[in-house]
């Protein structure tokens, strides 16, 4: 019987079949390595002990910003720009004044403005309800006479300085403005500086009703407005001549009190007010 000869290991290693098998195995190993390297890494499971910071809650609730005090950067706008934001601005405004205000009311230089102005009127008798009668024309509660208007411009003091002094007049103004705000929840207060006296009449109207007293009063009003977050409109700043008195051409009664405004003075007042429109929303 024919006996098949066994191939030695050395000869087997040189056979084509062995070489092909070895090459195939090598390719399989290389492919496996490449696949393993490119597999995405498993993300580490979150640590249950770790704390997560809460996110800040947001709310759709909006609040109305309070008026900026004069000590800050008040964005005053001229009427041309202000009416683009609110063409009804002065239709929402009322001016509270004394006999100086009566002249401004007669001049009527601000379309839409409402006037509550009375002769011999001041913060003192505004707060003293017993002095308000039908005969003198003063409203018993001026803070309830606004007619729904929310911009309250107020310029008083001529009839207060000699009666209660600078500090008393400033405090009276604070109380009156607070009553206005308390009784009109949407009211914005615009406190105006008191206009000066002409040189020829300065010092003839009493110990305090003079330019020095008016200056101290206006400084007190400005500080008080800042403290209460109300607007301060320094209308007096455009009324002075080079010597610090009311300009002669702005005075309608140089031979009397020397404090009431002429048409030119009323025009300057209106121009200043209309170029210093302000609103907390702007």
Protein backbone atom coordinates (compact mmCIF):
# COMPACT_ATOMS: atom_id res chain seq x y z
CA UNK A 1 0.00 0.00 0.00
CA UNK A 2 1.18 3.50 -0.89
CA UNK A 3 2.14 5.56 2.27
CA UNK A 4 1.63 9.36 2.12
CA UNK A 5 4.64 11.27 3.30
CA UNK A 6 4.19 13.87 6.03
CA UNK A 7 5.38 17.40 5.31
CA UNK A 8 7.93 18.72 7.75
CA UNK A 9 7.18 22.02 9.62
CA UNK A 10 9.88 23.83 7.68
CA UNK A 11 8.37 22.81 4.38
CA UNK A 12 4.80 23.58 5.58
CA UNK A 13 5.77 27.12 6.48
CA UNK A 14 6.93 27.63 2.91
CA UNK A 15 3.73 26.31 1.34
CA UNK A 16 1.41 28.80 -0.43
CA UNK A 17 -1.62 27.73 1.63
CA UNK A 18 0.11 28.50 4.91
CA UNK A 19 1.30 31.88 3.71
CA UNK A 20 -2.20 32.91 2.57
CA UNK A 21 -3.73 31.84 5.90
CA UNK A 22 -1.15 33.79 7.88
CA UNK A 23 -1.71 36.93 5.79
CA UNK A 24 -5.49 36.65 6.27
CA UNK A 25 -5.11 36.35 10.04
CA UNK A 26 -2.83 39.38 10.13
CA UNK A 27 -5.34 41.46 8.20
CA UNK A 28 -8.12 40.44 10.60
CA UNK A 29 -6.02 41.46 13.59
CA UNK A 30 -5.15 44.88 12.02
CA UNK A 31 -8.80 45.59 11.19
CA UNK A 32 -9.86 44.68 14.73
CA UNK A 33 -7.28 47.05 16.20
CA UNK A 34 -8.36 49.94 13.93
CA UNK A 35 -12.04 49.44 14.80
CA UNK A 36 -11.30 49.30 18.52
CA UNK A 37 -9.32 52.54 18.41
CA UNK A 38 -12.09 54.44 16.58
CA UNK A 39 -15.00 53.25 18.68
CA UNK A 40 -16.65 56.20 20.63
CA UNK A 41 -15.74 56.33 24.27
CA UNK A 42 -18.44 55.60 26.77
CA UNK A 43 -19.54 58.71 28.67
CA UNK A 44 -18.92 58.59 32.33
CA UNK A 45 -22.08 58.02 34.30
CA UNK A 46 -23.07 61.08 36.29
CA UNK A 47 -22.10 61.11 39.89
CA UNK A 48 -25.28 60.88 41.91
CA UNK A 49 -23.58 62.76 44.71
CA UNK A 50 -22.89 65.80 42.57
CA UNK A 51 -25.15 68.82 43.18
CA UNK A 52 -26.71 70.74 40.32
CA UNK A 53 -26.94 74.51 40.68
CA UNK A 54 -30.50 75.77 40.13
CA UNK A 55 -31.01 78.05 37.14
CA UNK A 56 -32.22 81.61 37.80
CA UNK A 57 -35.95 81.89 37.32
CA UNK A 58 -37.17 84.42 34.78
CA UNK A 59 -40.39 86.35 35.04
CA UNK A 60 -42.50 88.22 32.54
CA UNK A 61 -43.59 90.71 35.19
CA UNK A 62 -42.47 94.25 34.44
CA UNK A 63 -42.18 97.16 36.81
CA UNK A 64 -42.37 100.86 36.05
CA UNK A 65 -39.12 102.64 36.74
CA UNK A 66 -39.41 105.52 39.17
CA UNK A 67 -38.46 108.98 37.90
CA UNK A 68 -34.74 109.59 37.97
CA UNK A 69 -33.75 112.32 40.43
CA UNK A 70 -32.03 115.45 39.25
CA UNK A 71 -28.77 114.20 40.76
CA UNK A 72 -28.63 111.46 38.14
CA UNK A 73 -28.52 111.64 34.37
CA UNK A 74 -32.04 112.78 33.57
CA UNK A 75 -32.77 112.26 29.87
CA UNK A 76 -34.44 115.60 29.18
CA UNK A 77 -35.77 115.87 25.65
CA UNK A 78 -36.81 118.85 23.56
CA UNK A 79 -40.43 118.86 22.48
CA UNK A 80 -39.58 117.84 18.90
CA UNK A 81 -38.08 114.60 20.19
CA UNK A 82 -40.45 114.16 23.14
CA UNK A 83 -43.58 114.18 20.99
CA UNK A 84 -42.15 111.33 18.92
CA UNK A 85 -42.20 109.27 22.10
CA UNK A 86 -45.48 110.67 23.40
CA UNK A 87 -47.44 113.27 21.40
CA UNK A 88 -49.88 113.54 24.34
CA UNK A 89 -47.17 114.61 26.79
CA UNK A 90 -48.60 118.07 27.63
CA UNK A 91 -52.18 116.86 27.34
CA UNK A 92 -51.24 114.81 30.41
CA UNK A 93 -49.74 117.82 32.24
CA UNK A 94 -51.07 120.31 34.77
CA UNK A 95 -49.27 123.38 36.13
CA UNK A 96 -49.87 124.51 39.72
CA UNK A 97 -48.83 128.10 40.36
CA UNK A 98 -49.46 131.46 41.98
CA UNK A 99 -49.93 134.89 40.38
CA UNK A 100 -46.76 134.39 38.34
CA UNK A 101 -48.43 131.28 36.99
CA UNK A 102 -51.56 133.32 36.17
CA UNK A 103 -49.50 135.40 33.74
CA UNK A 104 -48.06 132.24 32.18
CA UNK A 105 -51.58 130.84 31.91
CA UNK A 106 -52.73 133.99 30.10
CA UNK A 107 -49.77 133.72 27.73
CA UNK A 108 -50.80 130.09 27.04
CA UNK A 109 -47.62 129.06 25.25
CA UNK A 110 -47.81 125.30 25.81
CA UNK A 111 -50.60 123.62 23.83
CA UNK A 112 -52.47 121.08 25.94
CA UNK A 113 -51.27 122.27 29.36
CA UNK A 114 -53.90 122.64 32.09
CA UNK A 115 -53.43 125.41 34.69
CA UNK A 116 -54.33 125.50 38.37
CA UNK A 117 -53.02 128.99 39.22
CA UNK A 118 -54.37 131.41 41.84
CA UNK A 119 -53.41 134.85 43.11
CA UNK A 120 -51.72 134.91 46.54
CA UNK A 121 -51.51 131.13 46.43
CA UNK A 122 -48.75 129.07 48.03
CA UNK A 123 -47.92 125.81 49.71
CA UNK A 124 -48.83 127.30 53.07
CA UNK A 125 -52.46 128.00 52.29
CA UNK A 126 -52.68 124.89 50.08
CA UNK A 127 -51.95 122.83 53.18
CA UNK A 128 -54.17 124.93 55.44
CA UNK A 129 -57.65 123.79 54.49
CA UNK A 130 -59.31 126.47 56.65
CA UNK A 131 -57.99 129.23 54.35
CA UNK A 132 -59.46 127.70 51.18
CA UNK A 133 -62.83 129.28 50.46
CA UNK A 134 -65.04 129.85 47.45
CA UNK A 135 -64.41 133.59 47.78
CA UNK A 136 -60.63 133.45 47.42
CA UNK A 137 -60.81 130.88 44.66
CA UNK A 138 -58.30 128.50 46.22
CA UNK A 139 -59.26 124.83 45.92
CA UNK A 140 -59.57 123.11 49.29
CA UNK A 141 -57.73 120.05 47.99
CA UNK A 142 -55.66 120.97 44.98
CA UNK A 143 -54.35 117.40 44.77
CA UNK A 144 -57.88 116.32 43.82
CA UNK A 145 -58.24 118.95 41.08
CA UNK A 146 -55.85 117.38 38.56
CA UNK A 147 -58.60 116.02 36.32
CA UNK A 148 -56.79 112.75 35.71
CA UNK A 149 -53.59 114.42 34.51
CA UNK A 150 -50.42 112.68 35.64
CA UNK A 151 -47.61 115.20 34.97
CA UNK A 152 -47.73 117.73 37.78
CA UNK A 153 -45.57 120.82 37.24
CA UNK A 154 -45.51 123.05 40.32
CA UNK A 155 -43.91 126.45 40.96
CA UNK A 156 -44.79 128.08 44.28
CA UNK A 157 -42.92 130.00 46.98
CA UNK A 158 -43.52 133.74 46.44
CA UNK A 159 -46.27 133.70 49.08
CA UNK A 160 -44.47 131.32 51.44
CA UNK A 161 -40.94 132.61 52.03
CA UNK A 162 -41.85 135.57 54.24
CA UNK A 163 -44.44 133.51 56.11
CA UNK A 164 -42.55 130.32 56.96
CA UNK A 165 -38.94 130.92 55.88
CA UNK A 166 -36.78 128.93 53.47
CA UNK A 167 -36.81 125.64 55.35
CA UNK A 168 -40.53 125.89 56.10
CA UNK A 169 -41.34 126.62 52.45
CA UNK A 170 -39.26 123.64 51.28
CA UNK A 171 -40.95 121.36 53.79
CA UNK A 172 -44.38 122.64 52.77
CA UNK A 173 -43.56 121.87 49.14
CA UNK A 174 -42.53 118.35 50.12
CA UNK A 175 -45.78 117.79 51.99
CA UNK A 176 -47.89 119.17 49.16
CA UNK A 177 -46.15 117.05 46.53
CA UNK A 178 -46.49 113.98 48.74
CA UNK A 179 -50.24 114.61 49.04
CA UNK A 180 -50.43 114.85 45.25
CA UNK A 181 -48.63 111.52 44.84
CA UNK A 182 -50.61 109.82 47.61
CA UNK A 183 -53.91 110.82 46.03
CA UNK A 184 -52.90 110.23 42.40
CA UNK A 185 -51.09 106.91 42.08
CA UNK A 186 -49.70 107.60 38.57
CA UNK A 187 -48.61 111.18 39.25
CA UNK A 188 -45.13 112.33 38.22
CA UNK A 189 -43.92 115.43 40.06
CA UNK A 190 -41.90 118.17 38.31
CA UNK A 191 -40.80 120.76 40.90
CA UNK A 192 -39.77 124.05 39.30
CA UNK A 193 -37.31 126.54 40.71
CA UNK A 194 -38.80 129.91 41.69
CA UNK A 195 -38.02 132.76 39.30
CA UNK A 196 -35.97 135.76 40.62
CA UNK A 197 -36.73 139.47 41.23
CA UNK A 198 -35.43 142.41 39.18
CA UNK A 199 -32.58 144.44 40.68
CA UNK A 200 -34.65 147.56 41.43
CA UNK A 201 -37.07 145.64 43.68
CA UNK A 202 -34.66 143.23 45.34
CA UNK A 203 -34.83 143.59 49.13
CA UNK A 204 -38.11 145.55 49.14
CA UNK A 205 -40.47 142.61 49.52
CA UNK A 206 -39.57 141.47 53.03
CA UNK A 207 -36.64 139.86 54.83
CA UNK A 208 -36.68 136.60 52.89
CA UNK A 209 -38.53 137.32 49.66
CA UNK A 210 -35.41 138.51 47.89
CA UNK A 211 -32.92 136.97 45.49
CA UNK A 212 -30.75 135.58 48.28
CA UNK A 213 -33.77 133.90 49.86
CA UNK A 214 -35.00 132.64 46.48
CA UNK A 215 -31.58 131.17 45.73
CA UNK A 216 -31.50 129.33 49.08
CA UNK A 217 -35.08 128.16 48.52
CA UNK A 218 -34.27 126.78 45.05
CA UNK A 219 -31.23 124.95 46.42
CA UNK A 220 -33.46 123.42 49.09
CA UNK A 221 -36.05 122.40 46.48
CA UNK A 222 -33.37 120.71 44.37
CA UNK A 223 -32.06 118.71 47.31
CA UNK A 224 -35.58 117.79 48.39
CA UNK A 225 -36.46 116.65 44.87
CA UNK A 226 -33.38 114.40 44.82
CA UNK A 227 -34.29 112.88 48.18
CA UNK A 228 -37.83 112.10 47.07
CA UNK A 229 -36.97 110.95 43.54
CA UNK A 230 -38.93 113.79 41.92
CA UNK A 231 -37.90 115.85 38.91
CA UNK A 232 -36.38 119.29 39.44
CA UNK A 233 -36.86 121.70 36.53
CA UNK A 234 -34.50 124.67 36.93
CA UNK A 235 -36.55 127.17 34.92
CA UNK A 236 -35.03 130.07 36.89
CA UNK A 237 -31.65 129.36 35.29
CA UNK A 238 -32.70 131.13 32.06
CA UNK A 239 -34.29 134.14 33.82
CA UNK A 240 -31.14 135.77 35.24
CA UNK A 241 -29.20 138.68 33.81
CA UNK A 242 -25.42 138.94 34.21
CA UNK A 243 -25.81 140.35 37.74
CA UNK A 244 -28.05 137.53 38.92
CA UNK A 245 -31.39 139.38 38.86
CA UNK A 246 -34.50 138.82 36.77
CA UNK A 247 -33.95 140.28 33.32
CA UNK A 248 -35.76 143.62 33.03
CA UNK A 249 -37.45 142.58 29.79
CA UNK A 250 -38.82 139.48 31.52
CA UNK A 251 -40.63 141.54 34.21
CA UNK A 252 -44.18 142.89 33.82
CA UNK A 253 -44.31 144.90 37.07
CA UNK A 254 -40.95 146.70 37.55
CA UNK A 255 -42.62 149.47 39.54
CA UNK A 256 -44.40 147.09 41.91
CA UNK A 257 -43.17 143.67 43.03
CA UNK A 258 -40.67 143.20 40.20
CA UNK A 259 -41.32 139.47 40.09
CA UNK A 260 -44.21 138.78 37.72
CA UNK A 261 -43.36 137.78 34.16
CA UNK A 262 -43.92 139.68 30.95
CA UNK A 263 -44.80 138.01 27.65
CA UNK A 264 -41.09 137.66 26.95
CA UNK A 265 -40.55 136.09 30.38
CA UNK A 266 -43.52 133.76 29.89
CA UNK A 267 -42.15 132.76 26.47
CA UNK A 268 -38.77 131.94 28.07
CA UNK A 269 -40.55 129.86 30.73
CA UNK A 270 -42.55 127.93 28.12
CA UNK A 271 -39.47 127.40 25.96
CA UNK A 272 -37.52 125.97 28.91
CA UNK A 273 -40.34 123.65 29.95
CA UNK A 274 -40.82 122.38 26.40
CA UNK A 275 -37.09 121.73 26.04
CA UNK A 276 -36.92 119.78 29.30
CA UNK A 277 -39.52 117.05 28.86
CA UNK A 278 -38.80 113.99 30.97
CA UNK A 279 -40.40 110.63 31.61
CA UNK A 280 -39.11 107.62 33.56
CA UNK A 281 -39.93 105.35 30.59
CA UNK A 282 -37.48 107.19 28.31
